Amino acid sequence: MMPVWVKICGIRDIATAQAACEAGASAIGLVFAESPRRVSIAQAREIVAALPSGVESFAVVRGMNVDEIRALLAEVTVSALQVHCDDGMFPDFDFGVEMVPAIPAPFLKAYGTGGLQGRRYVVDSPFGAGTGKPWDFSEVARLGGRMILAGGLDTRNVARAIAQAQPWGIDVSSGVESAKGVKDVKLIREFIRIARQS
């Protein structure tokens, strides 16, 4: 069985990005939505330029229209675009980069994963992105495909979450922070270690 893919989201500086990569992160997330983890275009460019080969970079957006997203992607070169879709609907538009929709678990439970087959997608917390609240990960156990589990994950529950939901990948942000928006390198290392052993 392949080790789970791990994304550390909400990275705001080169040192933390490099530490996450050294710990074995598969990808890092750069947040462009309203958040204490938000980065500027200049910060994002510096972080992406410092990433080693093989580590993906995700631009994480929410509430942006197509033109705003296109303008962002013209400024920052990333591996993928993560679009938070609070209403369960995601834009059917070619941005020239892989588009990874992030959809709250209740929508996926109600409507299934039609239209998501063959693509990576994030299952977001029912409580909303960035809340850090754990939830019943077993609710999405049978969604399948290239599901990336997110929302409320931390070092205490990631092993259980992987066992319950059987995701293709996992995505963590607040669960590896010492304060809101402040990543803790020790927690990042421990989180990845536990995830890869699960």
Protein backbone atom coordinates (compact mmCIF):
# COMPACT_ATOMS: atom_id res chain seq x y z
CA MET A 1 0.00 0.00 0.00
CA MET A 2 1.32 3.42 -1.00
CA PRO A 3 2.03 5.90 1.82
CA VAL A 4 -0.59 8.60 2.15
CA TRP A 5 0.00 11.89 0.32
CA VAL A 6 0.39 14.76 2.81
CA LYS A 7 -0.19 18.49 2.25
CA ILE A 8 0.82 21.10 4.82
CA CYS A 9 -1.41 24.10 4.16
CA GLY A 10 -1.12 27.70 5.24
CA ILE A 11 2.66 27.98 4.80
CA ARG A 12 3.81 31.61 5.02
CA ASP A 13 7.61 31.56 4.88
CA ILE A 14 10.53 29.77 3.23
CA ALA A 15 11.96 28.27 6.43
CA THR A 16 8.69 26.52 7.32
CA ALA A 17 8.20 25.35 3.73
CA GLN A 18 11.69 23.84 3.68
CA ALA A 19 11.17 22.19 7.08
CA ALA A 20 7.91 20.65 5.85
CA CYS A 21 9.66 19.34 2.74
CA GLU A 22 12.50 17.87 4.81
CA ALA A 23 9.90 16.15 7.01
CA GLY A 24 8.43 14.49 3.92
CA ALA A 25 5.52 16.70 2.87
CA SER A 26 4.12 15.89 -0.58
CA ALA A 27 2.80 19.43 -1.06
CA ILE A 28 2.45 22.80 0.61
CA GLY A 29 -0.55 25.12 0.43
CA LEU A 30 -0.40 28.87 -0.11
CA VAL A 31 -3.56 30.61 1.07
CA PHE A 32 -4.85 33.59 -0.92
CA ALA A 33 -8.23 33.75 0.85
CA GLU A 34 -9.04 35.94 3.86
CA SER A 35 -7.17 34.20 6.66
CA PRO A 36 -4.39 34.70 9.23
CA ARG A 37 -2.44 32.34 6.93
CA ARG A 38 -2.81 34.52 3.85
CA VAL A 39 0.32 35.19 1.78
CA SER A 40 1.18 37.97 -0.62
CA ILE A 41 2.15 37.37 -4.23
CA ALA A 42 5.77 38.17 -3.34
CA GLN A 43 5.81 35.72 -0.43
CA ALA A 44 4.25 33.00 -2.56
CA ARG A 45 6.81 33.44 -5.33
CA GLU A 46 9.71 33.17 -2.87
CA ILE A 47 8.28 30.03 -1.25
CA VAL A 48 7.56 28.28 -4.56
CA ALA A 49 11.06 29.10 -5.83
CA ALA A 50 12.57 27.48 -2.72
CA LEU A 51 10.67 24.18 -3.00
CA PRO A 52 12.66 21.09 -3.96
CA SER A 53 11.77 19.10 -7.04
CA GLY A 54 8.86 16.74 -6.45
CA VAL A 55 7.04 18.85 -3.83
CA GLU A 56 3.82 20.36 -5.14
CA SER A 57 2.57 23.88 -4.47
CA PHE A 58 -1.16 24.61 -4.18
CA ALA A 59 -2.76 28.04 -4.50
CA VAL A 60 -5.75 27.97 -2.12
CA VAL A 61 -8.59 30.35 -3.02
CA ARG A 62 -12.11 31.09 -1.86
CA GLY A 63 -14.70 33.59 -3.08
CA MET A 64 -12.67 34.61 -6.15
CA ASN A 65 -14.22 34.93 -9.59
CA VAL A 66 -12.67 33.44 -12.73
CA ASP A 67 -10.89 36.66 -13.74
CA GLU A 68 -9.38 37.10 -10.27
CA ILE A 69 -8.13 33.51 -10.27
CA ARG A 70 -6.62 33.90 -13.73
CA ALA A 71 -4.87 37.10 -12.63
CA LEU A 72 -3.46 35.33 -9.59
CA LEU A 73 -2.17 32.39 -11.62
CA ALA A 74 -0.51 34.81 -14.04
CA GLU A 75 1.52 36.12 -11.08
CA VAL A 76 2.37 32.88 -9.27
CA THR A 77 3.31 29.53 -10.84
CA VAL A 78 1.83 26.66 -8.84
CA SER A 79 1.24 22.94 -9.32
CA ALA A 80 -2.46 23.07 -8.57
CA LEU A 81 -5.36 25.38 -7.73
CA GLN A 82 -7.47 24.47 -4.69
CA VAL A 83 -10.88 26.15 -4.95
CA HIS A 84 -13.07 26.15 -1.84
CA CYS A 85 -16.65 25.58 -2.91
CA ASP A 86 -18.87 26.29 0.11
CA ASP A 87 -22.05 25.61 -1.88
CA GLY A 88 -20.76 22.33 -3.27
CA MET A 89 -20.45 23.75 -6.81
CA PHE A 90 -17.06 24.18 -8.47
CA PRO A 91 -16.20 26.20 -11.59
CA ASP A 92 -16.16 24.26 -14.84
CA PHE A 93 -13.29 26.25 -16.27
CA ASP A 94 -9.81 25.43 -17.54
CA PHE A 95 -7.32 27.54 -15.59
CA GLY A 96 -4.34 25.91 -17.28
CA VAL A 97 -3.39 24.13 -14.06
CA GLU A 98 -4.94 21.21 -12.17
CA MET A 99 -8.08 22.40 -10.35
CA VAL A 100 -8.73 20.65 -7.04
CA PRO A 101 -12.18 21.46 -5.62
CA ALA A 102 -12.58 21.58 -1.84
CA ILE A 103 -16.15 20.69 -0.95
CA PRO A 104 -17.76 20.43 2.51
CA ALA A 105 -18.45 16.84 3.53
CA PRO A 106 -22.26 17.28 3.79
CA PHE A 107 -22.52 18.12 0.07
CA LEU A 108 -20.48 15.08 -0.95
CA LYS A 109 -22.50 12.82 1.34
CA ALA A 110 -25.76 14.11 -0.14
CA TYR A 111 -24.82 14.21 -3.82
CA GLY A 112 -21.90 11.79 -4.12
CA THR A 113 -18.77 12.35 -6.14
CA GLY A 114 -20.29 12.58 -9.62
CA GLY A 115 -18.09 14.85 -11.73
CA LEU A 116 -15.12 14.30 -9.44
CA GLN A 117 -14.03 10.91 -10.71
CA GLY A 118 -10.50 10.93 -12.07
CA ARG A 119 -9.57 14.15 -10.32
CA ARG A 120 -8.20 14.97 -6.88
CA TYR A 121 -10.70 16.60 -4.54
CA VAL A 122 -10.63 17.83 -0.96
CA VAL A 123 -13.32 16.76 1.49
CA ASP A 124 -13.63 19.74 3.77
CA SER A 125 -14.93 19.90 7.32
CA PRO A 126 -18.69 20.30 7.86
CA PHE A 127 -17.74 23.15 10.22
CA GLY A 128 -15.95 25.11 7.50
CA ALA A 129 -12.36 25.44 6.31
CA GLY A 130 -9.85 26.69 8.84
CA THR A 131 -11.97 26.03 11.93
CA GLY A 132 -9.74 23.19 13.11
CA LYS A 133 -12.71 21.30 14.56
CA PRO A 134 -12.52 17.48 14.38
CA TRP A 135 -15.51 15.70 12.85
CA ASP A 136 -16.68 12.15 12.13
CA PHE A 137 -14.23 11.16 9.40
CA SER A 138 -15.98 7.80 8.93
CA GLU A 139 -18.84 9.70 7.26
CA VAL A 140 -16.82 9.89 4.04
CA ALA A 141 -15.29 6.41 4.18
CA ARG A 142 -16.91 5.19 0.97
CA LEU A 143 -16.38 8.22 -1.27
CA GLY A 144 -13.24 6.70 -2.80
CA GLY A 145 -11.19 8.07 -5.66
CA ARG A 146 -8.37 10.54 -5.07
CA MET A 147 -9.97 12.00 -1.96
CA ILE A 148 -7.90 14.37 0.18
CA LEU A 149 -9.22 14.47 3.74
CA ALA A 150 -9.15 17.84 5.52
CA GLY A 151 -10.58 19.64 8.51
CA GLY A 152 -9.68 19.20 12.16
CA LEU A 153 -6.75 16.85 11.64
CA ASP A 154 -3.86 16.88 14.11
CA THR A 155 -1.24 14.55 15.59
CA ARG A 156 -3.80 13.05 17.99
CA ASN A 157 -6.39 11.98 15.43
CA VAL A 158 -4.68 11.60 12.06
CA ALA A 159 -4.04 7.87 12.44
CA ARG A 160 -7.69 7.27 13.32
CA ALA A 161 -8.88 9.52 10.51
CA ILE A 162 -6.82 7.62 7.95
CA ALA A 163 -8.09 4.28 9.26
CA GLN A 164 -11.72 5.46 9.17
CA ALA A 165 -11.86 7.37 5.89
CA GLN A 166 -9.15 5.56 3.87
CA PRO A 167 -8.25 8.73 1.94
CA TRP A 168 -5.79 9.04 -0.92
CA GLY A 169 -4.30 12.07 0.81
CA ILE A 170 -4.60 14.31 3.85
CA ASP A 171 -4.44 18.08 4.29
CA VAL A 172 -3.56 19.85 7.56
CA SER A 173 -3.18 23.47 8.59
CA SER A 174 -4.27 24.58 12.08
CA GLY A 175 -3.51 21.11 13.47
CA VAL A 176 0.22 21.77 13.14
CA GLU A 177 0.22 25.28 14.62
CA SER A 178 1.35 26.62 18.00
CA ALA A 179 -0.88 29.69 17.52
CA LYS A 180 -3.34 30.77 14.85
CA GLY A 181 -1.40 31.09 11.61
CA VAL A 182 1.93 30.11 13.23
CA LYS A 183 3.26 26.73 12.09
CA ASP A 184 5.16 24.53 14.56
CA VAL A 185 7.91 22.57 12.82
CA LYS A 186 7.93 19.89 15.53
CA LEU A 187 4.20 19.31 15.05
CA ILE A 188 4.66 19.16 11.27
CA ARG A 189 7.34 16.49 11.62
CA GLU A 190 5.26 14.47 14.09
CA PHE A 191 2.11 14.75 11.97
CA ILE A 192 3.86 13.49 8.84
CA ARG A 193 5.58 10.70 10.75
CA ILE A 194 2.30 9.41 12.18
CA ALA A 195 0.47 9.76 8.87
CA ARG A 196 3.10 7.81 6.96
CA GLN A 197 3.05 5.02 9.54
CA SER A 198 -0.75 4.71 9.42
